[in-house]
Amino acid sequence: MSPTRIIIDTDPGVDDALTILLALASPEIQLEALTTVHGNIGIEKTTRNALAVLEFVNADCIPVARGCSLPLVGTPPRSAEAVHGSSGIGKAVLPEPKSQPMDQHAIDYLIERILAEPQEITLFSIGPMTNLALAIRKEPRIVQALKGLVIMGGAIRQGGNVTPLAEFNIHADPHAAYIVFHSGIPITLIPLDATYKCLLTTSDVERLNRIDSPIARFVRDSTAVYMDFYKKYEGFDGCALHDPLTLAAIIAPELLVFEELHVDVDISGGVSLGNTFADFMNVSKKPANMKVALDVNGRGFIELFLERMESLACKI
């Protein structure tokens, strides 16, 4: 069976960087490109980190297209430096990348690639969905041409992690999420309900670092600030692998428990801005618009992640 061809729309970000590594370590996946967006840190750093991570693993042949620096409505964009560190990749230090992003904007790149190969590309959105929302508005034909869309975002029964009701990626551009949710694209949603059950612990990182490898050290150093934040504010010794879990939709779908639901996002403003909510009782009589991962074998995914990182570490 041929690997699934994917583009990752990303705001690296510690767990974004780990998602890139996991994609490259997974034979079930062919990573075609990265598109960058504002989110965890500003667009300059998200783009720099995307390029630097690819060079770090000798994958700089994979193109990077720089995308939007602002959400659709309101400025300034959100920042998560307290979680990801001022560089966006914790205490990890990567050389300044030699490669440059494409001249083409991420919106136009997405349109061109998706239309050129209908039903071939699956998009993984692991940051705010500004790029995709604007691509849909500019060229609606991509809705039918995209094979699928996997989103890390939202909190359905779980509380939010940036407001009591909202998850970071959705809250960073709720209007973009609204456009995407109502687009008709086949969506798989991986919300906090599942990702908070995938906890990488300090002992997991120590296990990985029994291998003397730059990959193992990168996982340790990049997650250091992340883990400090979780210990201080969330009370556990480790960190959630939010973005990497999206790849389980391809590499280990048996670990996830899905439910077909109609999900919407609140853009009315106020305390509920960015709240994602599902119509469990079908009171709206609207058909399901996505598959939602409401549960996961969290430890099973962490073991898979560690095995893939150990394999990658032995090569680099």
Protein backbone atom coordinates (compact mmCIF):
# COMPACT_ATOMS: atom_id res chain seq x y z
CA MET A 1 0.00 0.00 0.00
CA SER A 2 1.44 3.37 -1.02
CA PRO A 3 2.03 5.99 1.69
CA THR A 4 -0.49 8.77 2.30
CA ARG A 5 0.71 12.01 0.79
CA ILE A 6 0.36 14.91 3.20
CA ILE A 7 1.05 18.60 3.61
CA ILE A 8 1.36 19.93 7.16
CA ASP A 9 0.09 23.46 7.85
CA THR A 10 1.99 24.34 10.99
CA ASP A 11 3.21 26.91 13.53
CA PRO A 12 6.36 25.31 15.02
CA GLY A 13 6.10 25.13 18.11
CA VAL A 14 7.54 22.22 20.10
CA ASP A 15 4.83 19.66 19.37
CA ASP A 16 4.70 20.85 15.74
CA ALA A 17 8.42 20.09 15.42
CA LEU A 18 7.86 16.65 16.93
CA THR A 19 5.03 16.09 14.43
CA ILE A 20 7.42 16.82 11.56
CA LEU A 21 9.91 14.30 12.99
CA LEU A 22 7.20 11.69 13.45
CA ALA A 23 5.97 12.17 9.88
CA LEU A 24 9.48 11.67 8.55
CA ALA A 25 9.91 8.57 10.74
CA SER A 26 6.67 6.97 9.53
CA PRO A 27 6.72 4.87 6.35
CA GLU A 28 2.92 5.18 6.10
CA ILE A 29 3.37 8.89 5.31
CA GLN A 30 4.97 10.85 2.49
CA LEU A 31 5.52 14.43 3.65
CA GLU A 32 5.16 16.63 0.58
CA ALA A 33 5.51 20.14 2.04
CA LEU A 34 5.12 22.40 5.04
CA THR A 35 3.11 25.61 5.06
CA THR A 36 3.63 27.97 7.97
CA VAL A 37 1.24 30.20 9.86
CA HIS A 38 1.16 32.52 12.88
CA GLY A 39 0.28 30.82 16.15
CA ASN A 40 2.63 29.58 18.83
CA ILE A 41 5.05 32.34 17.87
CA GLY A 42 5.24 34.89 15.06
CA ILE A 43 5.42 33.91 11.41
CA GLU A 44 9.15 34.71 11.13
CA LYS A 45 10.00 32.15 13.81
CA THR A 46 7.48 29.52 12.73
CA THR A 47 8.93 29.65 9.21
CA ARG A 48 12.50 29.63 10.49
CA ASN A 49 11.78 26.64 12.71
CA ALA A 50 10.07 24.71 9.90
CA LEU A 51 13.14 25.16 7.69
CA ALA A 52 15.57 24.43 10.53
CA VAL A 53 13.85 21.19 11.59
CA LEU A 54 13.84 19.89 8.02
CA GLU A 55 17.55 20.69 7.63
CA PHE A 56 18.25 19.06 10.99
CA VAL A 57 16.97 15.71 9.67
CA ASN A 58 18.44 16.14 6.17
CA ALA A 59 15.01 16.69 4.65
CA ASP A 60 15.51 20.22 3.32
CA CYS A 61 14.38 18.99 -0.11
CA ILE A 62 10.84 19.31 1.27
CA PRO A 63 9.48 22.75 0.34
CA VAL A 64 8.28 25.30 2.90
CA ALA A 65 5.77 28.00 1.99
CA ARG A 66 5.34 30.94 4.33
CA GLY A 67 1.76 31.84 5.15
CA CYS A 68 -0.33 34.32 7.11
CA SER A 69 1.06 36.43 9.92
CA LEU A 70 -2.30 37.56 11.31
CA PRO A 71 -5.70 35.99 12.05
CA LEU A 72 -8.66 36.94 9.87
CA VAL A 73 -10.11 39.27 12.50
CA GLY A 74 -8.27 41.27 15.13
CA THR A 75 -4.65 41.92 15.96
CA PRO A 76 -2.20 41.09 17.38
CA PRO A 77 -2.09 37.32 16.95
CA ARG A 78 -1.93 35.11 20.02
CA SER A 79 1.43 33.87 21.29
CA ALA A 80 2.41 30.82 23.31
CA GLU A 81 6.01 31.70 24.12
CA ALA A 82 5.38 30.81 27.77
CA VAL A 83 4.75 27.23 26.64
CA HIS A 84 7.17 26.85 23.73
CA GLY A 85 9.97 29.24 24.72
CA SER A 86 11.05 32.43 23.01
CA SER A 87 12.47 30.52 20.02
CA GLY A 88 9.40 28.29 19.72
CA ILE A 89 11.40 25.08 20.20
CA GLY A 90 12.13 25.23 23.92
CA LYS A 91 15.79 24.93 24.86
CA ALA A 92 16.77 23.21 21.62
CA VAL A 93 19.25 25.10 19.48
CA LEU A 94 19.23 24.48 15.75
CA PRO A 95 21.57 26.22 13.25
CA GLU A 96 20.16 29.06 11.22
CA PRO A 97 18.70 27.36 8.14
CA LYS A 98 20.51 27.77 4.85
CA SER A 99 17.36 27.12 2.84
CA GLN A 100 14.67 29.70 2.23
CA PRO A 101 10.90 29.47 2.00
CA MET A 102 9.35 29.44 -1.44
CA ASP A 103 8.53 32.76 -3.10
CA GLN A 104 4.93 31.58 -3.40
CA HIS A 105 2.59 32.38 -0.51
CA ALA A 106 1.22 29.37 1.39
CA ILE A 107 -2.34 30.15 0.31
CA ASP A 108 -1.43 30.00 -3.38
CA TYR A 109 0.80 26.97 -2.87
CA LEU A 110 -2.03 25.05 -1.23
CA ILE A 111 -4.43 25.95 -4.01
CA GLU A 112 -1.96 24.99 -6.74
CA ARG A 113 -0.91 21.66 -5.21
CA ILE A 114 -4.39 20.52 -4.22
CA LEU A 115 -5.95 21.38 -7.60
CA ALA A 116 -3.04 19.83 -9.52
CA GLU A 117 -3.62 16.43 -7.91
CA PRO A 118 -7.28 16.05 -6.92
CA GLN A 119 -7.99 13.52 -4.17
CA GLU A 120 -4.28 12.89 -3.65
CA ILE A 121 -3.33 15.30 -0.85
CA THR A 122 -4.40 15.11 2.79
CA LEU A 123 -3.82 18.32 4.72
CA PHE A 124 -2.84 18.27 8.38
CA SER A 125 -3.70 21.53 10.11
CA ILE A 126 -1.86 21.74 13.43
CA GLY A 127 -1.98 25.52 13.92
CA PRO A 128 -4.54 28.26 13.35
CA MET A 129 -6.44 27.65 10.09
CA THR A 130 -5.93 31.09 8.54
CA ASN A 131 -4.10 29.78 5.47
CA LEU A 132 -6.71 27.16 4.65
CA ALA A 133 -9.69 29.45 5.26
CA LEU A 134 -8.31 32.05 2.86
CA ALA A 135 -7.43 29.37 0.31
CA ILE A 136 -11.06 28.17 0.43
CA ARG A 137 -12.32 31.71 -0.01
CA LYS A 138 -9.93 32.39 -2.90
CA GLU A 139 -10.48 29.09 -4.70
CA PRO A 140 -13.50 27.09 -3.47
CA ARG A 141 -12.68 24.22 -5.82
CA ILE A 142 -10.08 22.95 -3.35
CA VAL A 143 -12.94 21.76 -1.12
CA GLN A 144 -13.74 18.98 -3.59
CA ALA A 145 -10.12 18.39 -4.59
CA LEU A 146 -8.71 17.82 -1.09
CA LYS A 147 -8.62 14.13 -0.13
CA GLY A 148 -9.05 14.90 3.55
CA LEU A 149 -8.26 17.26 6.38
CA VAL A 150 -6.99 16.32 9.83
CA ILE A 151 -7.16 19.11 12.41
CA MET A 152 -5.54 19.37 15.82
CA GLY A 153 -7.93 21.72 17.53
CA GLY A 154 -10.89 22.24 19.73
CA ALA A 155 -12.14 20.94 23.03
CA ILE A 156 -15.48 19.13 22.96
CA ARG A 157 -16.15 17.68 26.42
CA GLN A 158 -12.72 18.73 27.69
CA GLY A 159 -12.17 22.28 28.95
CA GLY A 160 -10.13 24.74 26.94
CA ASN A 161 -6.41 25.38 27.40
CA VAL A 162 -6.35 29.10 26.52
CA THR A 163 -9.75 30.11 27.89
CA PRO A 164 -12.08 27.92 29.98
CA LEU A 165 -13.97 27.11 26.77
CA ALA A 166 -11.46 27.35 23.93
CA GLU A 167 -8.42 25.46 22.69
CA PHE A 168 -5.43 27.49 21.45
CA ASN A 169 -5.42 26.71 17.70
CA ILE A 170 -9.13 27.46 17.31
CA HIS A 171 -9.07 30.51 19.57
CA ALA A 172 -6.08 31.95 17.64
CA ASP A 173 -8.35 32.31 14.59
CA PRO A 174 -11.93 31.21 15.33
CA HIS A 175 -13.31 32.83 12.18
CA ALA A 176 -10.94 30.75 10.05
CA ALA A 177 -12.07 27.63 11.89
CA TYR A 178 -15.69 28.58 11.22
CA ILE A 179 -15.03 28.80 7.48
CA VAL A 180 -13.25 25.44 7.45
CA PHE A 181 -15.85 23.66 9.60
CA HIS A 182 -18.60 24.81 7.22
CA SER A 183 -16.66 24.13 4.01
CA GLY A 184 -17.74 20.56 3.29
CA ILE A 185 -14.17 19.18 3.36
CA PRO A 186 -14.01 15.68 4.93
CA ILE A 187 -12.65 16.52 8.39
CA THR A 188 -11.08 14.44 11.13
CA LEU A 189 -10.82 16.44 14.35
CA ILE A 190 -8.29 15.57 17.06
CA PRO A 191 -9.31 17.73 20.05
CA LEU A 192 -7.92 18.13 23.56
CA ASP A 193 -10.29 15.33 24.65
CA ALA A 194 -7.83 12.89 23.06
CA THR A 195 -4.52 14.76 23.10
CA TYR A 196 -4.47 15.28 26.87
CA LYS A 197 -4.41 11.50 27.24
CA CYS A 198 -1.10 11.29 25.33
CA LEU A 199 1.44 12.35 27.95
CA LEU A 200 5.15 12.15 27.23
CA THR A 201 6.88 11.86 30.63
CA THR A 202 10.39 12.69 31.78
CA SER A 203 11.09 8.95 32.08
CA ASP A 204 10.06 8.54 28.43
CA VAL A 205 12.55 11.22 27.44
CA GLU A 206 15.25 9.59 29.57
CA ARG A 207 14.55 6.26 27.85
CA LEU A 208 14.94 7.87 24.44
CA ASN A 209 18.22 9.50 25.47
CA ARG A 210 19.81 6.15 26.18
CA ILE A 211 20.53 6.47 22.47
CA ASP A 212 23.35 8.95 21.86
CA SER A 213 21.72 10.84 19.02
CA PRO A 214 20.90 14.43 18.01
CA ILE A 215 17.26 13.34 17.63
CA ALA A 216 17.05 12.14 21.23
CA ARG A 217 18.71 15.31 22.48
CA PHE A 218 16.36 17.46 20.40
CA VAL A 219 13.30 15.78 21.93
CA ARG A 220 14.79 16.33 25.41
CA ASP A 221 15.80 19.95 24.87
CA SER A 222 12.74 21.04 22.88
CA THR A 223 10.31 19.67 25.47
CA ALA A 224 12.17 21.10 28.50
CA VAL A 225 10.28 24.44 28.67
CA TYR A 226 7.06 22.67 27.65
CA MET A 227 7.40 20.23 30.55
CA ASP A 228 8.22 23.02 33.01
CA PHE A 229 4.99 24.76 31.98
CA TYR A 230 2.91 21.59 32.40
CA LYS A 231 4.42 20.87 35.80
CA LYS A 232 3.79 24.42 37.04
CA TYR A 233 0.29 24.98 35.67
CA GLU A 234 -1.16 21.54 34.95
CA GLY A 235 0.40 19.56 37.76
CA PHE A 236 1.94 16.64 35.91
CA ASP A 237 5.49 15.61 35.10
CA GLY A 238 5.49 15.58 31.34
CA CYS A 239 3.74 17.17 28.36
CA ALA A 240 0.87 16.36 26.03
CA LEU A 241 1.72 15.42 22.43
CA HIS A 242 -1.16 17.41 20.94
CA ASP A 243 -0.01 17.83 17.34
CA PRO A 244 1.79 14.49 16.85
CA LEU A 245 -1.42 12.63 17.72
CA THR A 246 -2.98 13.86 14.47
CA LEU A 247 -0.69 11.49 12.57
CA ALA A 248 -2.29 8.53 14.37
CA ALA A 249 -5.24 9.08 12.03
CA ILE A 250 -2.98 7.50 9.40
CA ILE A 251 -0.29 5.50 11.20
CA ALA A 252 -2.40 3.97 14.00
CA PRO A 253 -6.13 4.72 13.63
CA GLU A 254 -6.92 1.73 15.84
CA LEU A 255 -5.67 3.75 18.82
CA LEU A 256 -8.40 6.38 18.38
CA VAL A 257 -12.10 6.22 19.19
CA PHE A 258 -14.11 8.34 16.76
CA GLU A 259 -17.65 9.62 16.72
CA GLU A 260 -19.37 11.24 13.73
CA LEU A 261 -20.73 14.59 14.93
CA HIS A 262 -21.86 18.00 13.82
CA VAL A 263 -19.31 20.39 15.31
CA ASP A 264 -19.38 24.18 15.18
CA VAL A 265 -17.29 27.02 16.60
CA ASP A 266 -18.51 30.10 18.44
CA ILE A 267 -17.58 33.38 16.74
CA SER A 268 -20.11 35.54 18.58
CA GLY A 269 -17.46 37.06 20.83
CA GLY A 270 -17.13 37.32 24.56
CA VAL A 271 -16.12 34.53 26.90
CA SER A 272 -17.21 31.79 24.49
CA LEU A 273 -15.14 32.97 21.50
CA GLY A 274 -13.47 29.95 19.89
CA ASN A 275 -15.53 27.40 21.79
CA THR A 276 -16.00 24.22 19.75
CA PHE A 277 -19.22 22.38 20.50
CA ALA A 278 -20.78 19.17 19.24
CA ASP A 279 -24.44 18.39 18.77
CA PHE A 280 -24.45 15.07 20.63
CA MET A 281 -28.27 14.93 20.87
CA ASN A 282 -28.82 16.00 17.22
CA VAL A 283 -31.10 18.82 18.30
CA SER A 284 -30.09 20.90 15.28
CA LYS A 285 -30.94 18.05 12.87
CA LYS A 286 -27.77 18.91 10.94
CA PRO A 287 -25.71 16.07 9.44
CA ALA A 288 -22.32 15.25 10.91
CA ASN A 289 -19.55 17.37 9.41
CA MET A 290 -16.55 15.56 10.90
CA LYS A 291 -15.14 12.54 12.67
CA VAL A 292 -14.10 13.49 16.19
CA ALA A 293 -11.56 11.60 18.30
CA LEU A 294 -13.14 11.59 21.75
CA ASP A 295 -10.87 8.92 23.23
CA VAL A 296 -7.48 7.33 22.59
CA ASN A 297 -5.15 4.66 23.87
CA GLY A 298 -2.78 7.35 25.09
CA ARG A 299 -0.01 5.10 26.33
CA GLY A 300 -0.17 3.11 23.13
CA PHE A 301 0.45 6.26 21.13
CA ILE A 302 3.35 7.35 23.35
CA GLU A 303 4.98 3.94 22.86
CA LEU A 304 4.54 4.27 19.09
CA PHE A 305 6.03 7.78 19.18
CA LEU A 306 9.04 6.59 21.19
CA GLU A 307 9.62 3.62 18.89
CA ARG A 308 9.55 5.88 15.82
CA MET A 309 11.90 8.40 17.47
CA GLU A 310 14.29 5.59 18.48
CA SER A 311 14.29 4.36 14.90
CA LEU A 312 14.96 7.88 13.58
CA ALA A 313 17.64 8.42 16.22
CA CYS A 314 19.54 5.36 15.00
CA LYS A 315 19.66 6.85 11.49
CA ILE A 316 20.70 10.44 12.34
